[in-house]
C-alpha atoms as a PDB file:
ATOM      1  CA  MET A   1    -104.927  11.447  80.410  1.00  0.00           C
ATOM      2  CA  PRO A   2    -105.443   9.415  83.605  1.00  0.00           C
ATOM      3  CA  ASN A   3    -108.335  10.322  85.849  1.00  0.00           C
ATOM      4  CA  LYS A   4    -107.577  12.887  88.559  1.00  0.00           C
ATOM      5  CA  THR A   5    -107.815  10.400  91.437  1.00  0.00           C
ATOM      6  CA  HIS A   6    -105.224   8.117  89.840  1.00  0.00           C
ATOM      7  CA  PHE A   7    -103.046  11.110  88.989  1.00  0.00           C
ATOM      8  CA  PHE A   8    -103.211  12.462  92.542  1.00  0.00           C
ATOM      9  CA  SER A   9    -102.297   9.044  93.982  1.00  0.00           C
ATOM     10  CA  THR A  10     -99.354   8.755  91.610  1.00  0.00           C
ATOM     11  CA  ILE A  11     -98.056  12.207  92.488  1.00  0.00           C
ATOM     12  CA  CYS A  12     -98.489  11.566  96.229  1.00  0.00           C
ATOM     13  CA  ALA A  13     -96.518   8.336  95.881  1.00  0.00           C
ATOM     14  CA  LEU A  14     -93.819  10.196  93.932  1.00  0.00           C
ATOM     15  CA  MET A  15     -93.683  12.934  96.570  1.00  0.00           C
ATOM     16  CA  ILE A  16     -93.396  10.423  99.405  1.00  0.00           C
ATOM     17  CA  ALA A  17     -90.716   8.428  97.577  1.00  0.00           C
ATOM     18  CA  THR A  18     -88.655  11.532  96.860  1.00  0.00           C
ATOM     19  CA  GLY A  19     -89.243  13.293 100.167  1.00  0.00           C
ATOM     20  CA  VAL A  20     -90.997  16.263  98.556  1.00  0.00           C
ATOM     21  CA  PRO A  21     -92.660  18.363 101.276  1.00  0.00           C
ATOM     22  CA  LEU A  22     -96.401  19.038 101.187  1.00  0.00           C
ATOM     23  CA  SER A  23     -95.961  22.822 100.917  1.00  0.00           C
ATOM     24  CA  SER A  24     -93.703  25.026  98.840  1.00  0.00           C
ATOM     25  CA  ASN A  25     -92.343  28.454  98.141  1.00  0.00           C
ATOM     26  CA  ALA A  26     -92.887  30.078  94.771  1.00  0.00           C
ATOM     27  CA  ALA A  27     -90.620  28.835  91.990  1.00  0.00           C
ATOM     28  CA  ASN A  28     -89.378  30.707  88.922  1.00  0.00           C
ATOM     29  CA  VAL A  29     -91.552  29.669  86.001  1.00  0.00           C
ATOM     30  CA  THR A  30     -92.292  30.381  82.398  1.00  0.00           C
ATOM     31  CA  THR A  31     -95.867  29.675  81.388  1.00  0.00           C
ATOM     32  CA  VAL A  32     -97.100  29.007  77.877  1.00  0.00           C
ATOM     33  CA  LYS A  33    -100.841  29.513  77.775  1.00  0.00           C
ATOM     34  CA  ASN A  34    -103.275  29.630  74.896  1.00  0.00           C
ATOM     35  CA  ALA A  35    -107.087  29.535  74.584  1.00  0.00           C
ATOM     36  CA  PRO A  36    -109.132  27.801  77.296  1.00  0.00           C
ATOM     37  CA  ALA A  37    -107.068  24.733  78.075  1.00  0.00           C
ATOM     38  CA  SER A  38    -108.497  21.373  78.914  1.00  0.00           C
ATOM     39  CA  GLU A  39    -105.385  20.186  80.753  1.00  0.00           C
ATOM     40  CA  ASN A  40    -102.611  21.744  82.834  1.00  0.00           C
ATOM     41  CA  VAL A  41     -99.227  20.119  82.312  1.00  0.00           C
ATOM     42  CA  CYS A  42     -96.071  20.988  84.201  1.00  0.00           C
ATOM     43  CA  ALA A  43     -92.671  20.168  82.663  1.00  0.00           C
ATOM     44  CA  ILE A  44     -89.573  20.238  84.881  1.00  0.00           C
ATOM     45  CA  TYR A  45     -86.159  20.226  83.198  1.00  0.00           C
ATOM     46  CA  PRO A  46     -82.665  20.223  84.733  1.00  0.00           C
ATOM     47  CA  HIS A  47     -81.819  23.363  82.691  1.00  0.00           C
ATOM     48  CA  LEU A  48     -82.394  25.118  79.383  1.00  0.00           C
ATOM     49  CA  LYS A  49     -78.727  25.861  78.666  1.00  0.00           C
ATOM     50  CA  ASP A  50     -77.957  23.579  75.713  1.00  0.00           C
ATOM     51  CA  SER A  51     -79.426  22.563  72.381  1.00  0.00           C
ATOM     52  CA  TYR A  52     -80.809  19.264  73.714  1.00  0.00           C
ATOM     53  CA  TRP A  53     -83.031  20.748  76.424  1.00  0.00           C
ATOM     54  CA  LEU A  54     -83.906  23.751  74.262  1.00  0.00           C
ATOM     55  CA  SER A  55     -85.119  21.403  71.508  1.00  0.00           C
ATOM     56  CA  VAL A  56     -87.077  19.282  74.014  1.00  0.00           C
ATOM     57  CA  ASN A  57     -88.710  22.452  75.301  1.00  0.00           C
ATOM     58  CA  TYR A  58     -89.461  23.670  71.772  1.00  0.00           C
ATOM     59  CA  GLY A  59     -91.229  20.398  70.984  1.00  0.00           C
ATOM     60  CA  MET A  60     -93.181  20.498  74.258  1.00  0.00           C
ATOM     61  CA  VAL A  61     -94.320  24.085  73.702  1.00  0.00           C
ATOM     62  CA  THR A  62     -95.248  23.434  70.076  1.00  0.00           C
ATOM     63  CA  GLU A  63     -97.272  20.323  70.912  1.00  0.00           C
ATOM     64  CA  ALA A  64     -98.955  21.996  73.890  1.00  0.00           C
ATOM     65  CA  GLU A  65    -100.138  24.780  71.592  1.00  0.00           C
ATOM     66  CA  LYS A  66    -101.473  22.238  69.066  1.00  0.00           C
ATOM     67  CA  GLN A  67    -103.275  20.252  71.775  1.00  0.00           C
ATOM     68  CA  ASN A  68    -104.660  23.344  73.547  1.00  0.00           C
ATOM     69  CA  ILE A  69    -102.819  22.431  76.760  1.00  0.00           C
ATOM     70  CA  THR A  70    -101.584  24.931  79.320  1.00  0.00           C
ATOM     71  CA  LEU A  71     -97.909  24.116  79.775  1.00  0.00           C
ATOM     72  CA  LYS A  72     -95.894  25.441  82.699  1.00  0.00           C
ATOM     73  CA  VAL A  73     -92.147  25.022  82.181  1.00  0.00           C
ATOM     74  CA  LEU A  74     -89.724  25.038  85.097  1.00  0.00           C
ATOM     75  CA  GLU A  75     -85.974  24.536  85.002  1.00  0.00           C
ATOM     76  CA  SER A  76     -83.797  23.930  88.018  1.00  0.00           C
ATOM     77  CA  GLY A  77     -80.741  25.858  86.841  1.00  0.00           C
ATOM     78  CA  GLY A  78     -78.402  22.884  86.503  1.00  0.00           C
ATOM     79  CA  TYR A  79     -77.870  19.226  87.306  1.00  0.00           C
ATOM     80  CA  PRO A  80     -76.805  19.699  90.961  1.00  0.00           C
ATOM     81  CA  ASN A  81     -80.045  21.490  91.936  1.00  0.00           C
ATOM     82  CA  ILE A  82     -82.021  18.493  93.208  1.00  0.00           C
ATOM     83  CA  ASP A  83     -83.673  20.376  96.064  1.00  0.00           C
ATOM     84  CA  LYS A  84     -84.945  22.974  93.620  1.00  0.00           C
ATOM     85  CA  GLN A  85     -86.533  20.207  91.517  1.00  0.00           C
ATOM     86  CA  ARG A  86     -88.217  18.809  94.636  1.00  0.00           C
ATOM     87  CA  ALA A  87     -89.653  22.266  95.336  1.00  0.00           C
ATOM     88  CA  GLN A  88     -90.766  22.510  91.705  1.00  0.00           C
ATOM     89  CA  LEU A  89     -92.713  19.240  92.031  1.00  0.00           C
ATOM     90  CA  VAL A  90     -94.605  20.842  94.897  1.00  0.00           C
ATOM     91  CA  ALA A  91     -95.099  24.049  92.895  1.00  0.00           C
ATOM     92  CA  CYS A  92     -96.600  21.996  90.050  1.00  0.00           C
ATOM     93  CA  ARG A  93     -98.946  20.265  92.472  1.00  0.00           C
ATOM     94  CA  ASP A  94     -99.962  23.573  94.053  1.00  0.00           C
ATOM     95  CA  TRP A  95    -100.581  25.056  90.585  1.00  0.00           C
ATOM     96  CA  GLY A  96    -103.054  22.231  89.926  1.00  0.00           C
ATOM     97  CA  ALA A  97    -101.154  20.301  87.274  1.00  0.00           C
ATOM     98  CA  ASP A  98    -103.080  17.436  85.694  1.00  0.00           C
ATOM     99  CA  ALA A  99     -99.744  15.881  84.746  1.00  0.00           C
ATOM    100  CA  ILE A 100     -96.090  16.445  85.610  1.00  0.00           C
ATOM    101  CA  ILE A 101     -93.302  15.609  83.192  1.00  0.00           C
ATOM    102  CA  LEU A 102     -90.092  15.317  85.183  1.00  0.00           C
ATOM    103  CA  ALA A 103     -86.617  15.132  83.679  1.00  0.00           C
ATOM    104  CA  PRO A 104     -84.669  14.544  86.906  1.00  0.00           C
ATOM    105  CA  SER A 105     -81.385  16.365  87.407  1.00  0.00           C
ATOM    106  CA  ARG A 106     -79.776  13.265  88.895  1.00  0.00           C
ATOM    107  CA  PRO A 107     -82.265  10.354  88.912  1.00  0.00           C
ATOM    108  CA  PRO A 108     -80.552   8.160  91.536  1.00  0.00           C
ATOM    109  CA  HIS A 109     -80.217  11.158  93.864  1.00  0.00           C
ATOM    110  CA  LEU A 110     -83.787  12.471  93.594  1.00  0.00           C
ATOM    111  CA  ALA A 111     -84.997   9.959  96.163  1.00  0.00           C
ATOM    112  CA  ARG A 112     -83.801  10.723  99.679  1.00  0.00           C
ATOM    113  CA  THR A 113     -81.971   8.016 101.564  1.00  0.00           C
END
């Protein structure tokens, strides 16, 4: 895992590049938490409506449990919900995520023009 300074710089650069605001409202989340975790990881998916994303989530949850990682899973409710994913990036930052795994809803459209 990268050191926290590097991680923070990377996330700030991502937020600036995508136009993510520096504050957020609460997002709908599902949290998988086990014994005292050494890392907080946030995973943001476009949705959990089909077998692909459900299987990705299953693998993430299973591995997080094995690695004793606190995993917060957020889903944006569908591919068009880019603004919701931007808000979820902020929610992950506010939660104190050590890492954010982002599966963008529409990669070319995540960055604001």
